[in-house]
Protein backbone atom coordinates (compact mmCIF):
# COMPACT_ATOMS: atom_id res chain seq x y z
CA MET A 1 -8.81 -25.19 29.84
CA GLN A 2 -7.44 -24.64 26.35
CA ILE A 3 -8.15 -25.40 22.74
CA GLU A 4 -5.84 -27.46 20.58
CA LEU A 5 -5.82 -26.36 16.98
CA ASP A 6 -4.16 -27.94 13.97
CA PRO A 7 -0.35 -27.67 14.03
CA GLY A 8 -0.48 -25.37 11.01
CA PHE A 9 -2.70 -22.81 12.73
CA ALA A 10 -0.79 -19.54 12.74
CA GLU A 11 -1.25 -15.80 12.82
CA PRO A 12 -2.58 -14.44 9.50
CA PRO A 13 0.04 -12.32 7.72
CA LEU A 14 0.26 -8.66 8.69
CA GLY A 15 -2.30 -6.80 6.61
CA TYR A 16 -4.14 -10.01 5.72
CA VAL A 17 -7.46 -9.40 4.02
CA PRO A 18 -9.54 -12.47 3.10
CA PRO A 19 -10.75 -12.87 -0.45
CA PRO A 20 -14.28 -11.62 -1.16
CA PRO A 21 -17.12 -14.05 -0.48
CA ALA A 22 -17.61 -16.50 -3.33
CA ASP A 23 -21.40 -16.33 -3.29
CA SER A 24 -24.43 -15.71 -1.09
CA ARG A 25 -23.87 -19.01 0.72
CA ASP A 26 -20.35 -17.94 1.63
CA ARG A 27 -21.72 -14.66 2.99
CA LEU A 28 -24.18 -16.57 5.16
CA ASP A 29 -21.41 -18.85 6.42
CA ARG A 30 -19.19 -15.87 7.27
CA LEU A 31 -22.00 -14.28 9.24
CA ARG A 32 -22.63 -17.56 11.08
CA LEU A 33 -18.93 -17.89 11.90
CA LEU A 34 -18.76 -14.32 13.22
CA ARG A 35 -21.90 -14.73 15.35
CA SER A 36 -20.69 -18.00 16.86
CA ARG A 37 -19.80 -17.88 20.54
CA ARG A 38 -16.35 -16.49 21.38
CA VAL A 39 -15.42 -15.76 17.78
CA GLY A 40 -14.33 -12.13 17.51
CA PRO A 41 -12.74 -10.29 14.57
CA VAL A 42 -9.17 -11.52 15.15
CA THR A 43 -10.20 -15.14 15.75
CA PHE A 44 -12.50 -14.94 12.71
CA GLN A 45 -9.58 -13.97 10.49
CA ARG A 46 -7.37 -16.67 11.98
CA LEU A 47 -9.99 -19.36 11.45
CA LEU A 48 -10.70 -18.21 7.89
CA SER A 49 -6.99 -18.05 7.11
CA ASP A 50 -6.29 -21.45 8.61
CA HIS A 51 -9.25 -23.39 7.19
CA GLY A 52 -9.59 -21.62 3.86
CA SER A 53 -13.32 -20.91 4.02
CA ALA A 54 -16.03 -20.03 6.49
CA GLU A 55 -17.79 -23.33 5.73
CA ALA A 56 -14.71 -25.32 6.70
CA ALA A 57 -14.14 -23.19 9.80
CA LEU A 58 -17.74 -23.77 10.93
CA LYS A 59 -17.29 -27.51 10.59
CA ALA A 60 -14.05 -27.41 12.56
CA LEU A 61 -15.25 -25.15 15.38
CA PRO A 62 -17.20 -27.69 17.51
CA GLY A 63 -14.24 -30.09 17.44
CA ILE A 64 -11.89 -27.30 18.42
CA ALA A 65 -14.12 -26.39 21.35
CA LEU A 66 -14.52 -30.02 22.41
CA LYS A 67 -10.75 -30.49 22.60
CA ALA A 68 -10.70 -27.41 24.82
CA GLY A 69 -13.15 -29.00 27.20
CA VAL A 70 -16.07 -26.82 26.07
CA ASP A 71 -18.83 -29.41 25.84
CA LYS A 72 -21.86 -29.07 23.59
CA TYR A 73 -20.46 -26.09 21.69
CA ALA A 74 -22.83 -25.10 18.89
CA VAL A 75 -22.06 -22.71 16.06
CA CYS A 76 -24.52 -19.94 15.22
CA PRO A 77 -27.63 -21.57 13.73
CA GLU A 78 -28.31 -20.92 10.08
CA GLY A 79 -31.76 -19.59 10.93
CA THR A 80 -30.32 -16.92 13.22
CA ALA A 81 -27.99 -15.62 10.51
CA LEU A 82 -30.75 -15.76 7.90
CA ALA A 83 -33.03 -13.74 10.19
CA GLU A 84 -30.32 -11.09 10.55
CA MET A 85 -29.88 -10.93 6.78
CA LYS A 86 -33.65 -10.60 6.29
CA ALA A 87 -33.80 -7.79 8.85
CA ALA A 88 -31.03 -6.01 6.95
CA LYS A 89 -32.91 -6.43 3.68
CA ARG A 90 -36.09 -4.98 5.20
CA ALA A 91 -34.08 -1.97 6.42
CA GLY A 92 -32.46 -1.50 3.02
CA ALA A 93 -28.99 -2.18 4.45
CA GLN A 94 -26.05 -3.55 2.49
CA MET A 95 -23.77 -6.29 3.81
CA LEU A 96 -20.08 -5.44 3.50
CA CYS A 97 -17.71 -8.36 4.09
CA LEU A 98 -14.03 -7.84 4.74
CA GLY A 99 -12.48 -8.40 1.31
CA ASP A 100 -15.39 -6.88 -0.64
CA ALA A 101 -14.50 -4.06 -3.03
CA ALA A 102 -17.05 -1.84 -1.26
CA TYR A 103 -15.51 -2.48 2.19
CA PRO A 104 -13.68 0.66 3.46
CA ALA A 105 -10.02 0.31 2.51
CA THR A 106 -8.63 2.21 5.50
CA LEU A 107 -10.66 0.11 7.94
CA ALA A 108 -9.57 -3.13 6.25
CA GLY A 109 -5.99 -2.32 7.25
CA ILE A 110 -6.49 -2.45 11.02
CA ARG A 111 -5.70 -5.65 12.87
CA ASP A 112 -9.21 -6.24 14.25
CA ALA A 113 -11.21 -5.02 11.27
CA PRO A 114 -14.89 -6.00 11.50
CA PRO A 115 -15.43 -9.09 9.33
CA VAL A 116 -18.95 -7.85 8.51
CA LEU A 117 -20.40 -4.35 8.38
CA TRP A 118 -24.01 -3.39 7.80
CA ALA A 119 -24.32 -0.17 5.79
CA LEU A 120 -27.17 2.28 5.23
CA GLY A 121 -26.53 5.05 2.74
CA ASN A 122 -23.83 5.80 0.21
CA THR A 123 -20.82 3.52 0.82
CA GLY A 124 -18.75 5.72 -1.50
CA PHE A 125 -18.25 8.15 1.41
CA ALA A 126 -16.11 5.51 3.16
CA HIS A 127 -13.68 5.53 0.20
CA ARG A 128 -13.08 9.26 0.31
CA PRO A 129 -10.57 10.98 2.64
CA VAL A 130 -12.07 10.82 6.14
CA LEU A 131 -11.36 12.67 9.39
CA ALA A 132 -12.91 11.82 12.76
CA ILE A 133 -14.31 14.49 15.07
CA VAL A 134 -15.16 13.32 18.60
CA GLY A 135 -15.74 14.86 21.99
CA THR A 136 -17.85 15.19 25.08
CA ARG A 137 -21.59 14.60 25.25
CA ASN A 138 -21.88 17.72 27.43
CA ALA A 139 -20.37 20.32 25.11
CA SER A 140 -19.78 23.89 26.19
CA SER A 141 -21.03 26.74 24.03
CA LEU A 142 -17.49 27.33 22.77
CA GLY A 143 -16.94 23.62 22.14
CA ALA A 144 -20.21 23.38 20.21
CA ARG A 145 -19.23 26.31 17.97
CA MET A 146 -15.80 24.78 17.39
CA ALA A 147 -17.26 21.39 16.46
CA ARG A 148 -19.66 22.95 13.95
CA ARG A 149 -16.99 25.15 12.42
CA LEU A 150 -14.42 22.38 12.16
CA ALA A 151 -16.84 19.91 10.59
CA GLY A 152 -18.20 22.49 8.17
CA ASP A 153 -14.81 23.85 7.11
CA LEU A 154 -13.18 20.42 6.75
CA GLY A 155 -16.20 19.23 4.77
CA GLN A 156 -15.86 22.19 2.43
CA ALA A 157 -12.17 21.33 2.04
CA GLY A 158 -13.15 17.87 0.78
CA TYR A 159 -13.03 15.64 3.86
CA VAL A 160 -15.80 13.32 5.01
CA VAL A 161 -16.44 13.55 8.76
CA VAL A 162 -16.91 10.37 10.80
CA SER A 163 -18.13 10.21 14.39
CA GLY A 164 -20.06 8.01 16.79
CA LEU A 165 -23.62 9.40 16.66
CA ALA A 166 -23.47 10.28 20.36
CA ARG A 167 -24.90 13.38 22.01
CA GLY A 168 -22.89 16.57 22.04
CA ILE A 169 -19.83 16.94 19.82
CA ASP A 170 -20.62 13.87 17.69
CA THR A 171 -24.11 15.11 16.87
CA LEU A 172 -22.90 18.62 16.06
CA ALA A 173 -20.14 17.31 13.79
CA HIS A 174 -22.55 15.06 11.88
CA ALA A 175 -25.12 17.84 11.41
CA ALA A 176 -22.54 20.37 10.23
CA SER A 177 -21.08 17.98 7.63
CA LEU A 178 -24.33 16.48 6.36
CA GLU A 179 -24.15 18.49 3.13
CA THR A 180 -20.52 17.56 2.38
CA GLY A 181 -20.39 13.98 3.66
CA THR A 182 -20.66 12.34 7.07
CA ILE A 183 -20.44 8.78 8.41
CA GLY A 184 -22.04 7.66 11.67
CA ILE A 185 -20.96 4.51 13.51
CA HIS A 186 -23.54 2.73 15.66
CA ALA A 187 -22.56 1.02 18.90
CA GLY A 188 -25.62 -1.22 18.66
CA GLY A 189 -27.67 -2.50 15.76
CA LEU A 190 -28.16 -0.33 12.71
CA ASP A 191 -31.90 -0.15 13.43
CA VAL A 192 -31.43 0.89 17.06
CA MET A 193 -31.10 4.64 17.43
CA TYR A 194 -29.12 5.71 20.46
CA PRO A 195 -29.72 8.36 21.62
CA VAL A 196 -33.31 8.49 20.41
CA GLU A 197 -33.19 12.27 19.88
CA ASN A 198 -30.83 11.65 16.95
CA THR A 199 -33.45 9.66 15.05
CA LYS A 200 -34.17 12.46 12.54
CA LEU A 201 -30.46 13.09 12.03
CA ALA A 202 -29.87 9.37 11.47
CA GLU A 203 -32.66 9.24 8.91
CA ASP A 204 -31.10 12.18 7.06
CA MET A 205 -27.70 10.46 7.18
CA ALA A 206 -29.13 7.28 5.67
CA ARG A 207 -30.37 9.36 2.70
CA ARG A 208 -27.46 11.77 2.31
CA GLY A 209 -24.55 10.19 4.18
CA LEU A 210 -23.64 6.76 5.54
CA ARG A 211 -24.31 4.78 8.70
CA LEU A 212 -22.37 1.66 9.65
CA SER A 213 -22.57 -1.03 12.34
CA GLU A 214 -20.88 -4.36 12.96
CA GLN A 215 -23.58 -5.44 15.42
CA PRO A 216 -26.69 -7.55 14.69
CA PHE A 217 -29.95 -5.78 13.95
CA GLY A 218 -32.04 -5.20 17.06
CA LEU A 219 -29.06 -5.14 19.46
CA ASP A 220 -29.30 -2.43 22.13
CA PRO A 221 -25.84 -0.94 22.79
CA GLN A 222 -24.16 -1.82 26.07
CA ALA A 223 -21.07 -0.34 27.69
CA ARG A 224 -18.69 -2.87 26.14
CA HIS A 225 -19.88 -2.02 22.63
CA PHE A 226 -18.72 1.61 22.66
CA PRO A 227 -14.93 0.96 22.61
CA ARG A 228 -15.55 -1.43 19.71
CA ARG A 229 -17.47 1.31 17.92
CA ASN A 230 -14.62 3.73 18.64
CA ARG A 231 -12.06 1.51 16.88
CA ILE A 232 -14.19 1.74 13.72
CA VAL A 233 -14.41 5.53 14.02
CA ALA A 234 -10.62 5.74 14.29
CA GLY A 235 -10.01 3.02 11.71
CA LEU A 236 -11.93 4.86 9.00
CA ALA A 237 -10.07 8.13 9.54
CA ARG A 238 -6.70 9.55 8.62
CA ALA A 239 -6.69 11.44 11.91
CA VAL A 240 -8.85 11.88 15.02
CA ILE A 241 -9.71 15.39 16.21
CA VAL A 242 -10.80 15.72 19.85
CA VAL A 243 -12.76 18.91 20.50
CA GLU A 244 -13.67 18.59 24.18
CA ALA A 245 -13.11 15.61 26.46
CA ALA A 246 -12.94 14.98 30.19
CA GLY A 247 -9.95 13.26 31.76
CA ARG A 248 -11.72 9.90 31.57
CA SER A 249 -13.96 9.67 28.55
CA GLY A 250 -14.78 7.62 25.51
CA SER A 251 -13.12 10.25 23.34
CA LEU A 252 -9.78 9.53 25.00
CA ILE A 253 -10.35 5.83 24.33
CA THR A 254 -10.85 6.71 20.66
CA ALA A 255 -7.65 8.76 20.71
CA ARG A 256 -5.67 5.91 22.25
CA ILE A 257 -7.05 3.45 19.72
CA ALA A 258 -6.18 5.88 16.92
CA LEU A 259 -2.57 6.03 18.09
CA ASP A 260 -2.46 2.22 18.25
CA GLN A 261 -3.71 2.15 14.65
CA GLY A 262 -1.06 4.60 13.50
CA ARG A 263 -3.45 7.54 13.07
CA GLU A 264 -2.65 11.11 14.07
CA VAL A 265 -4.40 12.67 17.04
CA LEU A 266 -5.19 16.38 17.14
CA ALA A 267 -6.81 18.27 19.98
CA ILE A 268 -8.36 21.66 20.72
CA PRO A 269 -6.82 23.19 23.87
CA GLY A 270 -9.05 24.48 26.64
CA HIS A 271 -8.94 26.36 29.91
CA PRO A 272 -7.12 24.41 32.66
CA MET A 273 -10.04 24.92 35.04
CA ASP A 274 -12.63 23.50 32.63
CA THR A 275 -13.03 19.76 33.23
CA ARG A 276 -14.45 19.37 29.74
CA ALA A 277 -11.06 20.41 28.35
CA SER A 278 -8.88 18.35 30.70
CA GLY A 279 -8.70 15.38 28.33
CA CYS A 280 -7.67 17.52 25.37
CA ASN A 281 -5.03 19.29 27.45
CA MET A 282 -3.68 15.92 28.57
CA LEU A 283 -3.50 14.72 24.96
CA ILE A 284 -1.57 17.84 23.94
CA ARG A 285 0.78 17.43 26.92
CA ASP A 286 1.43 13.86 25.80
CA GLY A 287 2.21 14.76 22.19
CA ALA A 288 -1.06 15.32 20.33
CA THR A 289 -1.01 18.19 17.83
CA LEU A 290 -2.58 21.41 19.12
CA ILE A 291 -5.05 22.88 16.63
CA ARG A 292 -7.10 26.08 16.63
CA GLY A 293 -9.22 25.47 13.56
CA ALA A 294 -9.49 23.80 10.17
CA ASP A 295 -6.43 25.59 8.78
CA ASP A 296 -4.24 23.99 11.45
CA VAL A 297 -5.73 20.58 10.62
CA LEU A 298 -5.03 21.03 6.90
CA ASP A 299 -1.49 22.23 7.63
CA GLN A 300 -0.89 19.06 9.65
CA ILE A 301 -2.79 16.48 7.60
CA GLY A 302 -2.78 18.10 4.18
CA MET A 303 -5.54 18.68 1.69
CA PRO A 304 -7.56 15.68 0.48
CA ASP A 305 -6.15 13.80 -2.48
CA ALA A 306 -7.27 14.97 -5.88
CA GLN A 307 -8.42 11.41 -6.51
CA ALA A 308 -11.52 11.04 -4.36
CA ASP A 309 -11.53 7.27 -4.08
CA LEU A 310 -8.95 5.55 -1.95
CA PRO A 311 -7.28 2.33 -3.16
CA LEU A 312 -9.46 -0.70 -2.60
CA PRO A 313 -8.22 -3.49 -0.35
CA THR A 314 -6.27 -6.15 -2.17
CA PRO A 315 -6.64 -9.71 -0.86
CA ILE A 316 -3.35 -11.06 0.39
CA VAL A 317 -2.65 -14.68 -0.36
CA ARG A 318 -1.74 -16.64 2.75
CA PRO A 319 1.60 -18.41 2.42
CA PRO A 320 1.75 -22.15 3.05
CA ALA A 321 1.36 -22.88 6.75
CA THR A 322 4.41 -23.95 8.62
CA ASN A 323 4.57 -26.21 11.63
CA PRO A 324 6.51 -24.36 14.30
CA PRO A 325 7.53 -26.29 17.40
CA ARG A 326 4.52 -26.75 19.64
CA PRO A 327 4.95 -25.30 23.15
CA GLU A 328 3.91 -27.06 26.29
CA ARG A 329 0.45 -25.56 26.24
CA ASP A 330 -0.37 -25.91 29.94
CA SER A 331 2.84 -24.16 30.91
CA LEU A 332 2.46 -21.33 28.39
CA THR A 333 -1.22 -20.88 29.27
CA ARG A 334 -0.29 -20.45 32.93
CA ARG A 335 2.48 -17.98 32.04
CA ILE A 336 0.05 -15.93 29.95
CA LEU A 337 -2.61 -15.89 32.65
CA THR A 338 -0.12 -14.74 35.30
CA ARG A 339 0.71 -11.74 33.12
CA LEU A 340 -2.89 -10.76 32.41
CA GLY A 341 -5.42 -9.15 34.70
CA PRO A 342 -8.53 -6.97 34.42
CA SER A 343 -6.46 -4.05 33.06
CA PRO A 344 -5.73 -4.30 29.31
CA THR A 345 -2.26 -5.50 28.28
CA ALA A 346 -0.92 -4.96 24.77
CA GLU A 347 -0.52 -8.27 22.92
CA ASN A 348 2.78 -7.12 21.42
CA GLN A 349 4.11 -6.33 24.89
CA LEU A 350 2.97 -9.74 26.16
CA ILE A 351 4.82 -11.46 23.30
CA ARG A 352 7.99 -9.50 24.09
CA ASP A 353 7.71 -10.34 27.79
CA LEU A 354 7.30 -14.06 27.14
CA GLY A 355 10.32 -14.16 24.83
CA LEU A 356 8.94 -16.93 22.61
CA PRO A 357 8.26 -16.94 18.85
CA ALA A 358 5.14 -14.91 18.08
CA PRO A 359 3.34 -17.72 16.17
CA GLN A 360 3.71 -19.99 19.20
CA ILE A 361 2.10 -17.43 21.47
CA THR A 362 -0.64 -16.25 19.10
CA ARG A 363 -1.71 -19.85 18.54
CA VAL A 364 -2.21 -20.38 22.26
CA LEU A 365 -3.90 -16.98 22.62
CA ALA A 366 -6.43 -18.02 19.99
CA GLN A 367 -7.03 -21.24 21.89
CA MET A 368 -7.51 -19.36 25.14
CA GLU A 369 -9.88 -16.84 23.55
CA LEU A 370 -12.13 -19.55 22.18
CA ALA A 371 -11.98 -21.32 25.54
CA GLY A 372 -13.14 -18.11 27.23
CA SER A 373 -10.14 -17.64 29.52
CA ILE A 374 -9.03 -14.34 27.93
CA GLU A 375 -10.84 -11.50 26.19
CA ARG A 376 -9.71 -9.14 23.44
CA ARG A 377 -10.09 -5.38 23.65
CA PRO A 378 -9.91 -2.85 20.79
CA GLY A 379 -6.44 -1.76 19.79
CA GLY A 380 -4.71 -5.12 20.22
CA PHE A 381 -5.15 -5.39 23.99
CA LEU A 382 -5.91 -8.47 26.10
CA THR A 383 -7.48 -9.01 29.51
CA ARG A 384 -8.01 -12.03 31.68
CA ALA A 385 -11.64 -13.10 31.51
CA ALA A 386 -13.73 -12.46 34.60
CA VAL A 387 -14.40 -15.68 36.51
């Protein structure tokens, strides 16, 4: 089952950032488009680029789904999006749309940038030089001291610290940088505190720092939401610092995503017999920069720019759509599915393996994503959807 889009449907240009919303109605339409079934960040940008506006994309979406064989497809109801916006207003949250001047410039540059972010606090922190500090939820005494010292010293040097509001290293990094600037990324809704013991810290961050989420208000975080959160942590930062991490951990996922996004990865070494250090030691073995403290980080990354604010994202005008030769969709769909499985495959690698023009392949991938036959993972990876 596939979706047939207009012949001009093509991959948005590299670095494409949509123009800012025209008005409050456009913001509502963008939220409805994003919350519609099977529309993720990449597909959102493709639809907006192809149809010119969220309103036009919403009108086109049921027809697109019908041609794919998805019967009775309904876009997100207006009432659902309005309820989310009202919940945000009650919480005092600000809506940041991709393309807004207040949207974080570094995050806008990643391929799967969140089309909408909900923000509580001072959004100016997201436009200052940012470093990510991540690590295990079960920190050792030495790891805890290192996280506090790194966050405090880097904050004093002028960096804002971003992390994922999790137990352990994340919590310690946020608390130590609260006075100098910290950003917390929620895996669930902005009003859902996970873990609950960080409620007081989160309240302090809303007053003196910044909290961000791409998820709807009221959403409890599930396992699949944490890698998506991690791509935002990495996307906001110039570099990701891993303090302690096991061999298989969310911190290593963040490090991998950071590398995919072109960020630097730095790691604190640990004893070979300590499982909490095994992930960091693996990262260093594989090329991450070994650091012993803030001075090593500053030697590697440099001091923050004298100008505190980073350049704001500039909307890129989409060139006129071309009509590349249309592939035999059934054949290409089968070829794609044979190359995908439950383990993530890089989209760029898939394109190279297929040996066809990238616009041809990305068009069919968008069709397959909307049809539900493939799923996107953070960092530009694809998997075959579970049957």
